[in-house]
């Protein structure tokens, strides 16, 4: 005699709107297309001080040689490329390991930021440390706020 087992593909403890939709909406593109390619950009902070703008870009796992920064047509273009072999690591081979869920992976990306006329493009500098690319973009002297004491006569 064959036993029938009731299959519940979705946990009973989760409601439709609170569980199913939440699971569905928080999946990555790769979950739907069945591919390892993830369409993502690194998170970025843009700060402004009196003297400069600063861009902080979260790009863990890269090396300094992977980055390229250029100013093209009043845009700062930040690009990073690395090969899959460097990204995966020697201990994870495709034959023995497969990802069940992958939420972070940057093999390459390209970000562009419009620069205002008030910046000194000759003095832009960048540092990559601890997985964060920090780009300092100094303002021109005439763009900085100026104050002058006026004496009463």
N, C-alpha and C. Protein backbone atom coordinates (compact mmCIF):
# COMPACT_ATOMS: atom_id res chain seq x y z
N UNK A 1 0.84 -1.17 0.00
CA UNK A 1 0.00 0.00 0.00
C UNK A 1 0.89 1.24 0.00
N UNK A 2 0.51 2.24 -0.76
CA UNK A 2 1.27 3.47 -0.88
C UNK A 2 0.79 4.48 0.15
N UNK A 3 1.74 5.09 0.83
CA UNK A 3 1.38 6.14 1.79
C UNK A 3 1.43 7.48 1.09
N UNK A 4 0.48 8.31 1.40
CA UNK A 4 0.44 9.66 0.87
C UNK A 4 0.96 10.61 1.93
N UNK A 5 1.83 11.48 1.50
CA UNK A 5 2.39 12.47 2.40
C UNK A 5 1.93 13.83 1.93
N UNK A 6 1.36 14.58 2.85
CA UNK A 6 0.92 15.93 2.50
C UNK A 6 2.14 16.84 2.42
N UNK A 7 2.35 17.45 1.28
CA UNK A 7 3.50 18.32 1.06
C UNK A 7 3.07 19.76 1.23
N UNK A 8 3.81 20.47 2.04
CA UNK A 8 3.57 21.90 2.23
C UNK A 8 4.80 22.63 1.70
N UNK A 9 4.75 23.06 0.46
CA UNK A 9 5.94 23.70 -0.11
C UNK A 9 6.27 25.04 0.54
N UNK A 10 5.32 25.57 1.27
CA UNK A 10 5.54 26.85 1.92
C UNK A 10 5.24 26.68 3.40
N UNK A 11 6.11 27.14 4.30
CA UNK A 11 5.90 26.94 5.73
C UNK A 11 4.57 27.52 6.21
N UNK A 12 3.87 26.76 7.01
CA UNK A 12 2.57 27.17 7.51
C UNK A 12 2.70 28.34 8.48
N UNK A 13 3.85 28.45 9.11
CA UNK A 13 4.04 29.49 10.12
C UNK A 13 4.16 30.88 9.53
N UNK A 14 4.36 30.99 8.23
CA UNK A 14 4.47 32.31 7.60
C UNK A 14 3.19 32.63 6.86
N UNK A 15 2.73 33.86 7.00
CA UNK A 15 1.55 34.26 6.25
C UNK A 15 1.96 34.57 4.82
N UNK A 16 0.97 34.68 3.94
CA UNK A 16 1.25 34.93 2.54
C UNK A 16 1.98 36.26 2.36
N UNK A 17 1.45 37.33 2.95
CA UNK A 17 2.06 38.63 2.73
C UNK A 17 3.34 38.82 3.52
N UNK A 18 3.42 38.23 4.69
CA UNK A 18 4.59 38.44 5.52
C UNK A 18 5.74 37.51 5.17
N UNK A 19 5.45 36.35 4.65
CA UNK A 19 6.50 35.39 4.37
C UNK A 19 6.80 35.21 2.89
N UNK A 20 5.79 34.79 2.15
CA UNK A 20 6.00 34.47 0.74
C UNK A 20 6.47 35.68 -0.05
N UNK A 21 5.75 36.79 0.07
CA UNK A 21 6.15 37.98 -0.68
C UNK A 21 7.51 38.48 -0.24
N UNK A 22 7.78 38.40 1.04
CA UNK A 22 9.08 38.83 1.54
C UNK A 22 10.20 37.98 0.93
N UNK A 23 10.03 36.67 0.90
CA UNK A 23 11.02 35.79 0.29
C UNK A 23 11.16 36.08 -1.20
N UNK A 24 10.04 36.28 -1.87
CA UNK A 24 10.05 36.51 -3.31
C UNK A 24 10.72 37.83 -3.67
N UNK A 25 10.40 38.89 -2.93
CA UNK A 25 10.91 40.21 -3.27
C UNK A 25 12.36 40.41 -2.87
N UNK A 26 12.88 39.61 -1.98
CA UNK A 26 14.26 39.79 -1.52
C UNK A 26 15.22 38.80 -2.18
N UNK A 27 14.86 38.28 -3.30
CA UNK A 27 15.75 37.40 -4.05
C UNK A 27 16.54 38.23 -5.04
N UNK A 28 17.72 37.74 -5.38
CA UNK A 28 18.54 38.42 -6.36
C UNK A 28 18.14 38.04 -7.78
N UNK A 29 18.65 38.78 -8.75
CA UNK A 29 18.38 38.50 -10.15
C UNK A 29 18.85 37.09 -10.52
N UNK A 30 19.97 36.67 -9.95
CA UNK A 30 20.53 35.36 -10.27
C UNK A 30 19.61 34.23 -9.85
N UNK A 31 18.80 34.44 -8.80
CA UNK A 31 17.87 33.41 -8.37
C UNK A 31 16.80 33.15 -9.43
N UNK A 32 16.44 34.16 -10.21
CA UNK A 32 15.41 34.01 -11.20
C UNK A 32 15.93 33.54 -12.55
N UNK A 33 17.11 34.01 -12.92
CA UNK A 33 17.64 33.63 -14.23
C UNK A 33 18.50 32.38 -14.16
N UNK A 34 18.81 31.91 -12.96
CA UNK A 34 19.59 30.68 -12.80
C UNK A 34 21.03 30.84 -13.22
N UNK A 35 21.57 32.00 -13.02
CA UNK A 35 22.93 32.28 -13.47
C UNK A 35 23.76 32.75 -12.30
N UNK A 36 25.08 32.64 -12.43
CA UNK A 36 25.98 33.16 -11.41
C UNK A 36 26.26 34.64 -11.60
N UNK A 37 25.85 35.19 -12.72
CA UNK A 37 26.14 36.61 -12.95
C UNK A 37 25.18 37.45 -12.13
N UNK A 38 25.73 38.34 -11.35
CA UNK A 38 24.94 39.20 -10.50
C UNK A 38 25.11 40.63 -10.98
N UNK A 39 23.99 41.28 -11.19
CA UNK A 39 24.03 42.65 -11.65
C UNK A 39 23.99 43.55 -10.42
N UNK A 40 25.16 43.97 -9.95
CA UNK A 40 25.17 44.78 -8.75
C UNK A 40 26.28 45.83 -8.82
N UNK A 41 26.09 46.84 -8.05
CA UNK A 41 27.05 47.92 -7.94
C UNK A 41 27.44 48.04 -6.47
N UNK A 42 28.66 48.40 -6.19
CA UNK A 42 29.05 48.57 -4.79
C UNK A 42 28.34 49.77 -4.16
N UNK A 43 28.08 49.65 -2.88
CA UNK A 43 27.45 50.75 -2.14
C UNK A 43 28.41 51.92 -2.06
N UNK A 44 27.85 53.13 -2.09
CA UNK A 44 28.67 54.33 -2.15
C UNK A 44 28.15 55.40 -1.20
N UNK A 45 29.07 56.07 -0.54
CA UNK A 45 28.76 57.26 0.26
C UNK A 45 29.42 58.45 -0.43
N UNK A 46 28.72 59.57 -0.51
CA UNK A 46 29.29 60.80 -1.04
C UNK A 46 29.16 61.86 0.05
N UNK A 47 30.30 62.42 0.45
CA UNK A 47 30.34 63.40 1.53
C UNK A 47 30.85 64.72 1.01
N UNK A 48 30.44 65.82 1.65
CA UNK A 48 30.97 67.13 1.31
C UNK A 48 31.43 67.82 2.59
N UNK A 49 32.63 68.36 2.54
CA UNK A 49 33.15 69.19 3.62
C UNK A 49 33.39 70.58 3.06
N UNK A 50 33.91 71.46 3.87
CA UNK A 50 34.20 72.82 3.42
C UNK A 50 35.27 72.80 2.34
N UNK A 51 36.23 71.88 2.45
CA UNK A 51 37.39 71.86 1.55
C UNK A 51 37.29 70.87 0.39
N UNK A 52 36.43 69.86 0.50
CA UNK A 52 36.47 68.79 -0.51
C UNK A 52 35.18 67.98 -0.52
N UNK A 53 35.09 67.15 -1.56
CA UNK A 53 34.08 66.09 -1.63
C UNK A 53 34.83 64.79 -1.39
N UNK A 54 34.15 63.80 -0.84
CA UNK A 54 34.77 62.49 -0.67
C UNK A 54 33.78 61.42 -1.08
N UNK A 55 34.29 60.46 -1.83
CA UNK A 55 33.49 59.31 -2.24
C UNK A 55 34.07 58.08 -1.55
N UNK A 56 33.22 57.33 -0.87
CA UNK A 56 33.61 56.07 -0.25
C UNK A 56 32.84 54.97 -0.95
N UNK A 57 33.56 54.02 -1.48
CA UNK A 57 32.95 52.96 -2.27
C UNK A 57 33.31 51.61 -1.64
N UNK A 58 32.32 50.83 -1.23
CA UNK A 58 32.56 49.53 -0.59
C UNK A 58 32.83 48.49 -1.68
N UNK A 59 34.07 48.03 -1.74
CA UNK A 59 34.46 47.06 -2.76
C UNK A 59 35.40 46.02 -2.15
N UNK A 60 34.88 45.15 -1.29
CA UNK A 60 35.74 44.16 -0.64
C UNK A 60 36.26 43.11 -1.62
N UNK A 61 37.45 42.60 -1.34
CA UNK A 61 38.00 41.52 -2.13
C UNK A 61 38.82 41.94 -3.34
N UNK A 62 38.85 43.21 -3.63
CA UNK A 62 39.66 43.69 -4.75
C UNK A 62 41.07 43.99 -4.28
N UNK A 63 41.96 44.20 -5.23
CA UNK A 63 43.31 44.65 -4.95
C UNK A 63 43.49 46.01 -5.64
N UNK A 64 44.50 46.76 -5.22
CA UNK A 64 44.72 48.09 -5.79
C UNK A 64 44.87 48.04 -7.30
N UNK A 65 45.52 47.01 -7.80
CA UNK A 65 45.77 46.92 -9.24
C UNK A 65 44.49 46.69 -10.05
N UNK A 66 43.39 46.30 -9.39
CA UNK A 66 42.13 46.04 -10.09
C UNK A 66 41.38 47.32 -10.45
N UNK A 67 41.75 48.46 -9.84
CA UNK A 67 41.01 49.72 -10.01
C UNK A 67 41.59 50.61 -11.09
N UNK A 68 40.70 51.35 -11.73
CA UNK A 68 41.08 52.37 -12.70
C UNK A 68 40.19 53.58 -12.43
N UNK A 69 40.81 54.74 -12.21
CA UNK A 69 40.06 55.98 -11.98
C UNK A 69 40.48 56.99 -13.04
N UNK A 70 39.50 57.62 -13.66
CA UNK A 70 39.77 58.61 -14.71
C UNK A 70 38.75 59.73 -14.63
N UNK A 71 39.14 60.90 -15.10
CA UNK A 71 38.20 62.01 -15.26
C UNK A 71 37.97 62.17 -16.76
N UNK A 72 36.71 62.01 -17.16
CA UNK A 72 36.33 62.10 -18.57
C UNK A 72 35.10 63.00 -18.69
N UNK A 73 35.20 64.07 -19.44
CA UNK A 73 34.06 64.96 -19.69
C UNK A 73 33.35 65.37 -18.41
N UNK A 74 34.09 65.88 -17.43
CA UNK A 74 33.55 66.33 -16.15
C UNK A 74 32.90 65.22 -15.33
N UNK A 75 33.28 63.98 -15.57
CA UNK A 75 32.79 62.84 -14.80
C UNK A 75 33.98 62.07 -14.24
N UNK A 76 33.89 61.69 -12.97
CA UNK A 76 34.87 60.78 -12.39
C UNK A 76 34.37 59.37 -12.66
N UNK A 77 35.17 58.59 -13.37
CA UNK A 77 34.79 57.23 -13.72
C UNK A 77 35.67 56.27 -12.91
N UNK A 78 35.02 55.45 -12.09
CA UNK A 78 35.70 54.45 -11.28
C UNK A 78 35.34 53.08 -11.84
N UNK A 79 36.37 52.34 -12.20
CA UNK A 79 36.15 51.03 -12.80
C UNK A 79 37.04 50.01 -12.09
N UNK A 80 36.51 48.81 -11.90
CA UNK A 80 37.29 47.74 -11.30
C UNK A 80 36.98 46.45 -12.04
N UNK A 81 38.04 45.67 -12.30
CA UNK A 81 37.89 44.39 -12.99
C UNK A 81 38.79 43.37 -12.33
N UNK A 82 38.30 42.16 -12.18
CA UNK A 82 39.13 41.05 -11.72
C UNK A 82 38.60 39.77 -12.34
N UNK A 83 39.45 38.79 -12.41
CA UNK A 83 39.06 37.53 -13.02
C UNK A 83 38.35 36.65 -12.01
N UNK A 84 37.59 35.69 -12.48
CA UNK A 84 36.86 34.77 -11.61
C UNK A 84 37.81 33.95 -10.76
N UNK A 85 38.96 33.59 -11.29
CA UNK A 85 39.91 32.78 -10.53
C UNK A 85 40.36 33.52 -9.28
N UNK A 86 40.64 34.82 -9.41
CA UNK A 86 41.06 35.61 -8.25
C UNK A 86 39.91 35.82 -7.29
N UNK A 87 38.70 35.92 -7.82
CA UNK A 87 37.55 36.22 -6.98
C UNK A 87 37.10 35.00 -6.17
N UNK A 88 37.19 33.83 -6.73
CA UNK A 88 36.67 32.63 -6.07
C UNK A 88 37.62 32.10 -5.01
N UNK A 89 38.90 32.22 -5.24
CA UNK A 89 39.87 31.68 -4.29
C UNK A 89 40.23 30.25 -4.66
N UNK A 90 41.37 29.80 -4.22
CA UNK A 90 41.87 28.49 -4.60
C UNK A 90 41.12 27.36 -3.92
N UNK A 91 40.54 27.62 -2.71
CA UNK A 91 39.90 26.54 -1.98
C UNK A 91 38.51 26.19 -2.50
N UNK A 92 37.93 27.02 -3.35
CA UNK A 92 36.59 26.78 -3.88
C UNK A 92 36.66 26.47 -5.36
N UNK A 93 36.59 25.22 -5.71
CA UNK A 93 36.61 24.86 -7.12
C UNK A 93 35.19 24.59 -7.58
N UNK A 94 34.88 24.86 -8.85
CA UNK A 94 33.53 24.64 -9.37
C UNK A 94 33.08 23.18 -9.28
N UNK A 95 34.03 22.26 -9.24
CA UNK A 95 33.66 20.84 -9.19
C UNK A 95 33.18 20.42 -7.80
N UNK A 96 33.67 21.07 -6.76
CA UNK A 96 33.34 20.63 -5.40
C UNK A 96 32.41 21.58 -4.66
N UNK A 97 32.24 22.78 -5.14
CA UNK A 97 31.44 23.76 -4.41
C UNK A 97 30.49 24.46 -5.36
N UNK A 98 29.27 24.65 -4.88
CA UNK A 98 28.32 25.47 -5.63
C UNK A 98 27.58 26.35 -4.64
N UNK A 99 27.27 27.55 -5.05
CA UNK A 99 26.58 28.49 -4.19
C UNK A 99 25.09 28.18 -4.21
N UNK A 100 24.48 28.11 -3.05
CA UNK A 100 23.04 27.98 -2.96
C UNK A 100 22.38 29.35 -2.96
N UNK A 101 23.09 30.32 -2.45
CA UNK A 101 22.64 31.72 -2.49
C UNK A 101 23.88 32.59 -2.49
N UNK A 102 23.92 33.56 -3.36
CA UNK A 102 25.06 34.46 -3.46
C UNK A 102 24.53 35.89 -3.47
N UNK A 103 24.88 36.65 -2.43
CA UNK A 103 24.38 38.01 -2.31
C UNK A 103 25.47 39.05 -2.49
N UNK A 104 26.72 38.67 -2.42
CA UNK A 104 27.78 39.63 -2.69
C UNK A 104 28.79 38.99 -3.63
N UNK A 105 29.09 39.75 -4.65
CA UNK A 105 30.07 39.32 -5.64
C UNK A 105 30.30 40.46 -6.60
N UNK A 106 31.51 40.92 -6.64
CA UNK A 106 31.87 41.97 -7.58
C UNK A 106 33.04 41.48 -8.41
N UNK A 107 32.79 41.08 -9.63
CA UNK A 107 33.88 40.73 -10.53
C UNK A 107 34.33 41.96 -11.29
N UNK A 108 33.38 42.80 -11.61
CA UNK A 108 33.71 44.05 -12.27
C UNK A 108 32.55 45.02 -12.07
N UNK A 109 32.87 46.29 -12.08
CA UNK A 109 31.84 47.31 -12.02
C UNK A 109 32.41 48.60 -12.58
N UNK A 110 31.51 49.50 -12.90
CA UNK A 110 31.89 50.81 -13.40
C UNK A 110 30.90 51.82 -12.85
N UNK A 111 31.41 52.83 -12.15
CA UNK A 111 30.57 53.88 -11.59
C UNK A 111 31.05 55.21 -12.13
N UNK A 112 30.12 56.12 -12.34
CA UNK A 112 30.45 57.43 -12.87
C UNK A 112 29.78 58.49 -12.00
N UNK A 113 30.54 59.55 -11.68
CA UNK A 113 30.04 60.63 -10.84
C UNK A 113 30.28 61.96 -11.54
N UNK A 114 29.24 62.77 -11.67
CA UNK A 114 29.35 64.09 -12.29
C UNK A 114 30.08 65.01 -11.32
N UNK A 115 31.13 65.64 -11.81
CA UNK A 115 31.93 66.54 -10.99
C UNK A 115 31.48 67.99 -11.21
N UNK A 116 31.31 68.75 -10.14
CA UNK A 116 30.97 70.16 -10.32
C UNK A 116 32.19 70.94 -10.82
N UNK A 117 31.96 72.11 -11.36
CA UNK A 117 33.06 72.95 -11.87
C UNK A 117 33.96 73.46 -10.75
N UNK A 118 33.50 73.35 -9.52
CA UNK A 118 34.24 73.91 -8.39
C UNK A 118 35.33 72.99 -7.84
N UNK A 119 35.59 71.85 -8.48
CA UNK A 119 36.61 70.94 -7.96
C UNK A 119 37.92 71.07 -8.72
N UNK A 120 39.00 70.73 -8.04
CA UNK A 120 40.34 70.76 -8.61
C UNK A 120 40.67 69.33 -9.06
N UNK A 121 40.47 69.04 -10.33
CA UNK A 121 40.66 67.65 -10.81
C UNK A 121 42.12 67.22 -10.78
N UNK A 122 43.03 68.18 -10.77
CA UNK A 122 44.46 67.84 -10.72
C UNK A 122 44.88 67.31 -9.35
N UNK A 123 44.10 67.57 -8.32
CA UNK A 123 44.49 67.18 -6.97
C UNK A 123 43.68 65.99 -6.42
N UNK A 124 42.92 65.31 -7.28
CA UNK A 124 42.13 64.15 -6.82
C UNK A 124 43.09 63.04 -6.43
N UNK A 125 42.81 62.41 -5.29
CA UNK A 125 43.63 61.28 -4.86
C UNK A 125 42.71 60.19 -4.33
N UNK A 126 43.21 58.93 -4.39
CA UNK A 126 42.40 57.80 -3.97
C UNK A 126 43.24 56.84 -3.14
N UNK A 127 42.58 56.18 -2.18
CA UNK A 127 43.23 55.19 -1.31
C UNK A 127 42.28 54.00 -1.20
N UNK A 128 42.82 52.80 -1.35
CA UNK A 128 42.04 51.58 -1.16
C UNK A 128 42.58 50.86 0.06
N UNK A 129 41.72 50.74 1.09
CA UNK A 129 42.17 50.13 2.34
C UNK A 129 40.97 49.49 3.04
N UNK A 130 41.15 48.26 3.47
CA UNK A 130 40.11 47.56 4.21
C UNK A 130 38.83 47.34 3.42
N UNK A 131 38.93 47.20 2.11
CA UNK A 131 37.76 46.96 1.27
C UNK A 131 36.99 48.22 0.90
N UNK A 132 37.50 49.38 1.29
CA UNK A 132 36.85 50.65 0.98
C UNK A 132 37.77 51.49 0.10
N UNK A 133 37.25 51.93 -1.04
CA UNK A 133 37.96 52.86 -1.91
C UNK A 133 37.51 54.26 -1.52
N UNK A 134 38.45 55.07 -1.04
CA UNK A 134 38.15 56.46 -0.66
C UNK A 134 38.78 57.39 -1.67
N UNK A 135 37.97 58.25 -2.25
CA UNK A 135 38.44 59.20 -3.26
C UNK A 135 38.20 60.61 -2.71
N UNK A 136 39.28 61.38 -2.55
CA UNK A 136 39.20 62.76 -2.08
C UNK A 136 39.26 63.69 -3.28
N UNK A 137 38.26 64.57 -3.39
CA UNK A 137 38.16 65.50 -4.51
C UNK A 137 38.16 66.91 -3.94
N UNK A 138 39.34 67.57 -3.88
CA UNK A 138 39.42 68.90 -3.29
C UNK A 138 38.69 69.96 -4.13
N UNK A 139 38.18 70.95 -3.43
CA UNK A 139 37.53 72.07 -4.11
C UNK A 139 38.58 73.10 -4.48
N UNK A 140 38.30 73.88 -5.51
CA UNK A 140 39.17 75.00 -5.88
C UNK A 140 39.09 76.05 -4.78
N UNK A 141 40.15 76.83 -4.63
CA UNK A 141 40.20 77.84 -3.57
C UNK A 141 39.04 78.84 -3.69
N UNK A 142 38.71 79.23 -4.90
CA UNK A 142 37.64 80.22 -5.08
C UNK A 142 36.26 79.64 -4.76
N UNK A 143 36.13 78.33 -4.72
CA UNK A 143 34.85 77.70 -4.41
C UNK A 143 34.63 77.52 -2.91
N UNK A 144 35.68 77.63 -2.14
CA UNK A 144 35.56 77.47 -0.69
C UNK A 144 34.90 78.70 -0.09
N UNK A 145 34.11 78.51 0.95
CA UNK A 145 33.49 79.66 1.59
C UNK A 145 34.54 80.60 2.17
N UNK A 146 34.34 81.87 1.96
CA UNK A 146 35.30 82.85 2.44
C UNK A 146 34.62 83.79 3.43
N UNK A 147 35.37 84.19 4.40
CA UNK A 147 34.83 85.17 5.35
C UNK A 147 35.85 86.28 5.52
N UNK A 148 35.34 87.45 5.80
CA UNK A 148 36.23 88.60 5.97
C UNK A 148 35.68 89.45 7.11
N UNK A 149 36.56 89.82 8.00
CA UNK A 149 36.20 90.68 9.10
C UNK A 149 36.15 92.12 8.61
N UNK A 150 35.05 92.77 8.86
CA UNK A 150 34.91 94.17 8.44
C UNK A 150 34.98 95.04 9.71
N UNK A 151 35.91 95.95 9.67
CA UNK A 151 36.10 96.84 10.82
C UNK A 151 35.13 98.02 10.74
N UNK A 152 34.58 98.35 11.87
CA UNK A 152 33.69 99.51 11.93
C UNK A 152 34.52 100.78 12.08
N UNK A 153 34.20 101.80 11.32
CA UNK A 153 34.99 103.02 11.37
C UNK A 153 34.28 104.19 11.97
